[in-house]
Amino acid sequence: KEREGVSCISRSGSNTNYADSVKGRFTISRDN
């Protein structure tokens, strides 16, 4: 299968998005 996006986060961490299949279960974060 093709590689798929799970979740992405902006540089500031203020914006995130999630694939429908993982919404509510996965959380992306960053510690610069």
ModelCIF file with pLDDT and N, C-alpha, C, O atoms, coordinates in Angstrom:
data_MODEL
#
_entry.id   MODEL 
#
_entity.id                         1 
_entity.type                       polymer 
_entity.pdbx_number_of_molecules   1 
#
_entity_poly.entity_id                      1 
_entity_poly.type                           'polypeptide(L)' 
_entity_poly.nstd_linkage                   no 
_entity_poly.nstd_monomer                   no 
_entity_poly.pdbx_seq_one_letter_code       KEREGVSCISRSGSNTNYADSVKGRFTISRDN 
_entity_poly.pdbx_seq_one_letter_code_can   KEREGVSCISRSGSNTNYADSVKGRFTISRDN 
_entity_poly.pdbx_strand_id                 A 
#
loop_
_entity_poly_seq.entity_id 
_entity_poly_seq.num 
_entity_poly_seq.mon_id 
_entity_poly_seq.hetero 
1 1  LYS n 
1 2  GLU n 
1 3  ARG n 
1 4  GLU n 
1 5  GLY n 
1 6  VAL n 
1 7  SER n 
1 8  CYS n 
1 9  ILE n 
1 10 SER n 
1 11 ARG n 
1 12 SER n 
1 13 GLY n 
1 14 SER n 
1 15 ASN n 
1 16 THR n 
1 17 ASN n 
1 18 TYR n 
1 19 ALA n 
1 20 ASP n 
1 21 SER n 
1 22 VAL n 
1 23 LYS n 
1 24 GLY n 
1 25 ARG n 
1 26 PHE n 
1 27 THR n 
1 28 ILE n 
1 29 SER n 
1 30 ARG n 
1 31 ASP n 
1 32 ASN n 
#
_struct_asym.id          A 
_struct_asym.entity_id   1 
#
loop_
_ma_qa_metric.id 
_ma_qa_metric.mode 
_ma_qa_metric.name 
_ma_qa_metric.software_group_id 
_ma_qa_metric.type 
1 global pLDDT . pLDDT 
2 local  pLDDT . pLDDT 
#
_ma_qa_metric_global.metric_id      1 
_ma_qa_metric_global.metric_value   96.97 
_ma_qa_metric_global.model_id       1 
_ma_qa_metric_global.ordinal_id     1 
#
loop_
_ma_qa_metric_local.label_asym_id 
_ma_qa_metric_local.label_comp_id 
_ma_qa_metric_local.label_seq_id 
_ma_qa_metric_local.metric_id 
_ma_qa_metric_local.metric_value 
_ma_qa_metric_local.model_id 
_ma_qa_metric_local.ordinal_id 
A LYS 1  2 97.00 1 1  
A GLU 2  2 97.00 1 2  
A ARG 3  2 98.00 1 3  
A GLU 4  2 97.00 1 4  
A GLY 5  2 98.00 1 5  
A VAL 6  2 98.00 1 6  
A SER 7  2 98.00 1 7  
A CYS 8  2 98.00 1 8  
A ILE 9  2 98.00 1 9  
A SER 10 2 97.00 1 10 
A ARG 11 2 96.00 1 11 
A SER 12 2 94.00 1 12 
A GLY 13 2 94.00 1 13 
A SER 14 2 94.00 1 14 
A ASN 15 2 96.00 1 15 
A THR 16 2 97.00 1 16 
A ASN 17 2 96.00 1 17 
A TYR 18 2 98.00 1 18 
A ALA 19 2 97.00 1 19 
A ASP 20 2 97.00 1 20 
A SER 21 2 98.00 1 21 
A VAL 22 2 98.00 1 22 
A LYS 23 2 98.00 1 23 
A GLY 24 2 98.00 1 24 
A ARG 25 2 98.00 1 25 
A PHE 26 2 98.00 1 26 
A THR 27 2 98.00 1 27 
A ILE 28 2 98.00 1 28 
A SER 29 2 98.00 1 29 
A ARG 30 2 97.00 1 30 
A ASP 31 2 96.00 1 31 
A ASN 32 2 93.00 1 32 
#
loop_
_atom_site.group_PDB 
_atom_site.id 
_atom_site.type_symbol 
_atom_site.label_atom_id 
_atom_site.label_alt_id 
_atom_site.label_comp_id 
_atom_site.label_asym_id 
_atom_site.label_entity_id 
_atom_site.label_seq_id 
_atom_site.pdbx_PDB_ins_code 
_atom_site.Cartn_x 
_atom_site.Cartn_y 
_atom_site.Cartn_z 
_atom_site.occupancy 
_atom_site.B_iso_or_equiv 
_atom_site.pdbx_formal_charge 
_atom_site.auth_seq_id 
_atom_site.auth_comp_id 
_atom_site.auth_asym_id 
_atom_site.auth_atom_id 
_atom_site.pdbx_PDB_model_num 
ATOM 1   N N  . LYS A 1 1  ? 0.834   -1.200 0.000  1.00 97.00 ? 1  LYS A N  1 
ATOM 2   C CA . LYS A 1 1  ? 0.000   0.000  0.000  1.00 97.00 ? 1  LYS A CA 1 
ATOM 3   C C  . LYS A 1 1  ? 0.869   1.250  0.000  1.00 97.00 ? 1  LYS A C  1 
ATOM 4   O O  . LYS A 1 1  ? 2.040   1.212  0.377  1.00 97.00 ? 1  LYS A O  1 
ATOM 5   N N  . GLU A 1 2  ? 0.282   2.344  -0.424 1.00 97.00 ? 2  GLU A N  1 
ATOM 6   C CA . GLU A 1 2  ? 1.003   3.605  -0.430 1.00 97.00 ? 2  GLU A CA 1 
ATOM 7   C C  . GLU A 1 2  ? 1.138   4.142  0.998  1.00 97.00 ? 2  GLU A C  1 
ATOM 8   O O  . GLU A 1 2  ? 0.322   3.860  1.876  1.00 97.00 ? 2  GLU A O  1 
ATOM 9   N N  . ARG A 1 3  ? 2.190   4.918  1.187  1.00 98.00 ? 3  ARG A N  1 
ATOM 10  C CA . ARG A 1 3  ? 2.378   5.576  2.472  1.00 98.00 ? 3  ARG A CA 1 
ATOM 11  C C  . ARG A 1 3  ? 1.252   6.593  2.655  1.00 98.00 ? 3  ARG A C  1 
ATOM 12  O O  . ARG A 1 3  ? 0.890   7.308  1.720  1.00 98.00 ? 3  ARG A O  1 
ATOM 13  N N  . GLU A 1 4  ? 0.705   6.647  3.868  1.00 97.00 ? 4  GLU A N  1 
ATOM 14  C CA . GLU A 1 4  ? -0.400  7.566  4.123  1.00 97.00 ? 4  GLU A CA 1 
ATOM 15  C C  . GLU A 1 4  ? -0.096  8.485  5.303  1.00 97.00 ? 4  GLU A C  1 
ATOM 16  O O  . GLU A 1 4  ? 0.641   8.127  6.222  1.00 97.00 ? 4  GLU A O  1 
ATOM 17  N N  . GLY A 1 5  ? -0.677  9.664  5.252  1.00 98.00 ? 5  GLY A N  1 
ATOM 18  C CA . GLY A 1 5  ? -0.520  10.608 6.347  1.00 98.00 ? 5  GLY A CA 1 
ATOM 19  C C  . GLY A 1 5  ? -1.351  10.213 7.542  1.00 98.00 ? 5  GLY A C  1 
ATOM 20  O O  . GLY A 1 5  ? -2.530  9.885  7.401  1.00 98.00 ? 5  GLY A O  1 
ATOM 21  N N  . VAL A 1 6  ? -0.757  10.241 8.711  1.00 98.00 ? 6  VAL A N  1 
ATOM 22  C CA . VAL A 1 6  ? -1.450  9.945  9.959  1.00 98.00 ? 6  VAL A CA 1 
ATOM 23  C C  . VAL A 1 6  ? -1.794  11.237 10.698 1.00 98.00 ? 6  VAL A C  1 
ATOM 24  O O  . VAL A 1 6  ? -2.932  11.456 11.113 1.00 98.00 ? 6  VAL A O  1 
ATOM 25  N N  . SER A 1 7  ? -0.783  12.078 10.848 1.00 98.00 ? 7  SER A N  1 
ATOM 26  C CA . SER A 1 7  ? -0.990  13.328 11.566 1.00 98.00 ? 7  SER A CA 1 
ATOM 27  C C  . SER A 1 7  ? 0.145   14.279 11.256 1.00 98.00 ? 7  SER A C  1 
ATOM 28  O O  . SER A 1 7  ? 1.283   13.855 11.056 1.00 98.00 ? 7  SER A O  1 
ATOM 29  N N  . CYS A 1 8  ? -0.162  15.570 11.215 1.00 98.00 ? 8  CYS A N  1 
ATOM 30  C CA . CYS A 1 8  ? 0.855   16.586 10.965 1.00 98.00 ? 8  CYS A CA 1 
ATOM 31  C C  . CYS A 1 8  ? 0.697   17.744 11.939 1.00 98.00 ? 8  CYS A C  1 
ATOM 32  O O  . CYS A 1 8  ? -0.382  17.981 12.480 1.00 98.00 ? 8  CYS A O  1 
ATOM 33  N N  . ILE A 1 9  ? 1.795   18.460 12.149 1.00 98.00 ? 9  ILE A N  1 
ATOM 34  C CA . ILE A 1 9  ? 1.791   19.561 13.109 1.00 98.00 ? 9  ILE A CA 1 
ATOM 35  C C  . ILE A 1 9  ? 2.618   20.718 12.571 1.00 98.00 ? 9  ILE A C  1 
ATOM 36  O O  . ILE A 1 9  ? 3.661   20.520 11.949 1.00 98.00 ? 9  ILE A O  1 
ATOM 37  N N  . SER A 1 10 ? 2.139   21.920 12.818 1.00 97.00 ? 10 SER A N  1 
ATOM 38  C CA . SER A 1 10 ? 2.831   23.107 12.333 1.00 97.00 ? 10 SER A CA 1 
ATOM 39  C C  . SER A 1 10 ? 4.089   23.378 13.146 1.00 97.00 ? 10 SER A C  1 
ATOM 40  O O  . SER A 1 10 ? 4.326   22.749 14.177 1.00 97.00 ? 10 SER A O  1 
ATOM 41  N N  . ARG A 1 11 ? 4.881   24.312 12.674 1.00 96.00 ? 11 ARG A N  1 
ATOM 42  C CA . ARG A 1 11 ? 6.113   24.679 13.384 1.00 96.00 ? 11 ARG A CA 1 
ATOM 43  C C  . ARG A 1 11 ? 5.829   25.123 14.810 1.00 96.00 ? 11 ARG A C  1 
ATOM 44  O O  . ARG A 1 11 ? 6.543   24.761 15.745 1.00 96.00 ? 11 ARG A O  1 
ATOM 45  N N  . SER A 1 12 ? 4.782   25.906 14.955 1.00 94.00 ? 12 SER A N  1 
ATOM 46  C CA . SER A 1 12 ? 4.458   26.445 16.279 1.00 94.00 ? 12 SER A CA 1 
ATOM 47  C C  . SER A 1 12 ? 3.776   25.425 17.179 1.00 94.00 ? 12 SER A C  1 
ATOM 48  O O  . SER A 1 12 ? 3.732   25.590 18.398 1.00 94.00 ? 12 SER A O  1 
ATOM 49  N N  . GLY A 1 13 ? 3.242   24.368 16.568 1.00 94.00 ? 13 GLY A N  1 
ATOM 50  C CA . GLY A 1 13 ? 2.472   23.391 17.331 1.00 94.00 ? 13 GLY A CA 1 
ATOM 51  C C  . GLY A 1 13 ? 1.022   23.802 17.513 1.00 94.00 ? 13 GLY A C  1 
ATOM 52  O O  . GLY A 1 13 ? 0.247   23.073 18.132 1.00 94.00 ? 13 GLY A O  1 
ATOM 53  N N  . SER A 1 14 ? 0.643   24.955 16.986 1.00 94.00 ? 14 SER A N  1 
ATOM 54  C CA . SER A 1 14 ? -0.710  25.462 17.203 1.00 94.00 ? 14 SER A CA 1 
ATOM 55  C C  . SER A 1 14 ? -1.740  24.788 16.311 1.00 94.00 ? 14 SER A C  1 
ATOM 56  O O  . SER A 1 14 ? -2.928  24.772 16.633 1.00 94.00 ? 14 SER A O  1 
ATOM 57  N N  . ASN A 1 15 ? -1.292  24.234 15.195 1.00 96.00 ? 15 ASN A N  1 
ATOM 58  C CA . ASN A 1 15 ? -2.205  23.564 14.262 1.00 96.00 ? 15 ASN A CA 1 
ATOM 59  C C  . ASN A 1 15 ? -1.794  22.121 14.058 1.00 96.00 ? 15 ASN A C  1 
ATOM 60  O O  . ASN A 1 15 ? -0.619  21.802 13.874 1.00 96.00 ? 15 ASN A O  1 
ATOM 61  N N  . THR A 1 16 ? -2.801  21.257 14.096 1.00 97.00 ? 16 THR A N  1 
ATOM 62  C CA . THR A 1 16 ? -2.575  19.837 13.850 1.00 97.00 ? 16 THR A CA 1 
ATOM 63  C C  . THR A 1 16 ? -3.701  19.303 12.974 1.00 97.00 ? 16 THR A C  1 
ATOM 64  O O  . THR A 1 16 ? -4.782  19.887 12.909 1.00 97.00 ? 16 THR A O  1 
ATOM 65  N N  . ASN A 1 17 ? -3.438  18.197 12.309 1.00 96.00 ? 17 ASN A N  1 
ATOM 66  C CA . ASN A 1 17 ? -4.528  17.487 11.656 1.00 96.00 ? 17 ASN A CA 1 
ATOM 67  C C  . ASN A 1 17 ? -4.303  15.992 11.777 1.00 96.00 ? 17 ASN A C  1 
ATOM 68  O O  . ASN A 1 17 ? -3.193  15.530 12.043 1.00 96.00 ? 17 ASN A O  1 
ATOM 69  N N  . TYR A 1 18 ? -5.370  15.256 11.577 1.00 98.00 ? 18 TYR A N  1 
ATOM 70  C CA . TYR A 1 18 ? -5.331  13.812 11.766 1.00 98.00 ? 18 TYR A CA 1 
ATOM 71  C C  . TYR A 1 18 ? -6.123  13.125 10.664 1.00 98.00 ? 18 TYR A C  1 
ATOM 72  O O  . TYR A 1 18 ? -7.125  13.653 10.181 1.00 98.00 ? 18 TYR A O  1 
ATOM 73  N N  . ALA A 1 19 ? -5.666  11.953 10.276 1.00 97.00 ? 19 ALA A N  1 
ATOM 74  C CA . ALA A 1 19 ? -6.459  11.106 9.399  1.00 97.00 ? 19 ALA A CA 1 
ATOM 75  C C  . ALA A 1 19 ? -7.735  10.710 10.142 1.00 97.00 ? 19 ALA A C  1 
ATOM 76  O O  . ALA A 1 19 ? -7.725  10.538 11.361 1.00 97.00 ? 19 ALA A O  1 
ATOM 77  N N  . ASP A 1 20 ? -8.821  10.570 9.402  1.00 97.00 ? 20 ASP A N  1 
ATOM 78  C CA . ASP A 1 20 ? -10.098 10.214 10.031 1.00 97.00 ? 20 ASP A CA 1 
ATOM 79  C C  . ASP A 1 20 ? -9.984  8.926  10.839 1.00 97.00 ? 20 ASP A C  1 
ATOM 80  O O  . ASP A 1 20 ? -10.641 8.770  11.869 1.00 97.00 ? 20 ASP A O  1 
ATOM 81  N N  . SER A 1 21 ? -9.156  8.012  10.370 1.00 98.00 ? 21 SER A N  1 
ATOM 82  C CA . SER A 1 21 ? -9.055  6.703  11.010 1.00 98.00 ? 21 SER A CA 1 
ATOM 83  C C  . SER A 1 21 ? -8.408  6.756  12.392 1.00 98.00 ? 21 SER A C  1 
ATOM 84  O O  . SER A 1 21 ? -8.520  5.801  13.161 1.00 98.00 ? 21 SER A O  1 
ATOM 85  N N  . VAL A 1 22 ? -7.730  7.863  12.719 1.00 98.00 ? 22 VAL A N  1 
ATOM 86  C CA . VAL A 1 22 ? -7.043  7.931  14.013 1.00 98.00 ? 22 VAL A CA 1 
ATOM 87  C C  . VAL A 1 22 ? -7.540  9.060  14.907 1.00 98.00 ? 22 VAL A C  1 
ATOM 88  O O  . VAL A 1 22 ? -7.077  9.218  16.037 1.00 98.00 ? 22 VAL A O  1 
ATOM 89  N N  . LYS A 1 23 ? -8.480  9.841  14.398 1.00 98.00 ? 23 LYS A N  1 
ATOM 90  C CA . LYS A 1 23 ? -8.996  10.967 15.192 1.00 98.00 ? 23 LYS A CA 1 
ATOM 91  C C  . LYS A 1 23 ? -9.580  10.478 16.508 1.00 98.00 ? 23 LYS A C  1 
ATOM 92  O O  . LYS A 1 23 ? -10.318 9.495  16.554 1.00 98.00 ? 23 LYS A O  1 
ATOM 93  N N  . GLY A 1 24 ? -9.232  11.185 17.574 1.00 98.00 ? 24 GLY A N  1 
ATOM 94  C CA . GLY A 1 24 ? -9.724  10.815 18.887 1.00 98.00 ? 24 GLY A CA 1 
ATOM 95  C C  . GLY A 1 24 ? -8.904  9.750  19.582 1.00 98.00 ? 24 GLY A C  1 
ATOM 96  O O  . GLY A 1 24 ? -9.105  9.482  20.767 1.00 98.00 ? 24 GLY A O  1 
ATOM 97  N N  . ARG A 1 25 ? -7.975  9.134  18.851 1.00 98.00 ? 25 ARG A N  1 
ATOM 98  C CA . ARG A 1 25 ? -7.143  8.072  19.433 1.00 98.00 ? 25 ARG A CA 1 
ATOM 99  C C  . ARG A 1 25 ? -5.666  8.455  19.467 1.00 98.00 ? 25 ARG A C  1 
ATOM 100 O O  . ARG A 1 25 ? -4.952  8.089  20.400 1.00 98.00 ? 25 ARG A O  1 
ATOM 101 N N  . PHE A 1 26 ? -5.207  9.185  18.462 1.00 98.00 ? 26 PHE A N  1 
ATOM 102 C CA . PHE A 1 26 ? -3.804  9.566  18.349 1.00 98.00 ? 26 PHE A CA 1 
ATOM 103 C C  . PHE A 1 26 ? -3.648  11.055 18.650 1.00 98.00 ? 26 PHE A C  1 
ATOM 104 O O  . PHE A 1 26 ? -4.543  11.856 18.381 1.00 98.00 ? 26 PHE A O  1 
ATOM 105 N N  . THR A 1 27 ? -2.498  11.405 19.213 1.00 98.00 ? 27 THR A N  1 
ATOM 106 C CA . THR A 1 27 ? -2.180  12.802 19.485 1.00 98.00 ? 27 THR A CA 1 
ATOM 107 C C  . THR A 1 27 ? -0.738  13.084 19.067 1.00 98.00 ? 27 THR A C  1 
ATOM 108 O O  . THR A 1 27 ? 0.197   12.416 19.510 1.00 98.00 ? 27 THR A O  1 
ATOM 109 N N  . ILE A 1 28 ? -0.581  14.081 18.211 1.00 98.00 ? 28 ILE A N  1 
ATOM 110 C CA . ILE A 1 28 ? 0.751   14.498 17.787 1.00 98.00 ? 28 ILE A CA 1 
ATOM 111 C C  . ILE A 1 28 ? 1.200   15.673 18.656 1.00 98.00 ? 28 ILE A C  1 
ATOM 112 O O  . ILE A 1 28 ? 0.387   16.509 19.051 1.00 98.00 ? 28 ILE A O  1 
ATOM 113 N N  . SER A 1 29 ? 2.473   15.727 18.943 1.00 98.00 ? 29 SER A N  1 
ATOM 114 C CA . SER A 1 29 ? 3.008   16.856 19.705 1.00 98.00 ? 29 SER A CA 1 
ATOM 115 C C  . SER A 1 29 ? 4.480   17.034 19.349 1.00 98.00 ? 29 SER A C  1 
ATOM 116 O O  . SER A 1 29 ? 5.084   16.199 18.675 1.00 98.00 ? 29 SER A O  1 
ATOM 117 N N  . ARG A 1 30 ? 5.030   18.130 19.814 1.00 97.00 ? 30 ARG A N  1 
ATOM 118 C CA . ARG A 1 30 ? 6.445   18.390 19.564 1.00 97.00 ? 30 ARG A CA 1 
ATOM 119 C C  . ARG A 1 30 ? 7.038   19.137 20.739 1.00 97.00 ? 30 ARG A C  1 
ATOM 120 O O  . ARG A 1 30 ? 6.358   19.908 21.416 1.00 97.00 ? 30 ARG A O  1 
ATOM 121 N N  . ASP A 1 31 ? 8.312   18.895 20.968 1.00 96.00 ? 31 ASP A N  1 
ATOM 122 C CA . ASP A 1 31 ? 9.061   19.609 21.993 1.00 96.00 ? 31 ASP A CA 1 
ATOM 123 C C  . ASP A 1 31 ? 10.304  20.145 21.309 1.00 96.00 ? 31 ASP A C  1 
ATOM 124 O O  . ASP A 1 31 ? 11.313  19.449 21.190 1.00 96.00 ? 31 ASP A O  1 
ATOM 125 N N  . ASN A 1 32 ? 10.223  21.377 20.866 1.00 93.00 ? 32 ASN A N  1 
ATOM 126 C CA . ASN A 1 32 ? 11.337  21.932 20.096 1.00 93.00 ? 32 ASN A CA 1 
ATOM 127 C C  . ASN A 1 32 ? 12.605  22.033 20.941 1.00 93.00 ? 32 ASN A C  1 
ATOM 128 O O  . ASN A 1 32 ? 13.641  22.480 20.449 1.00 93.00 ? 32 ASN A O  1 
#
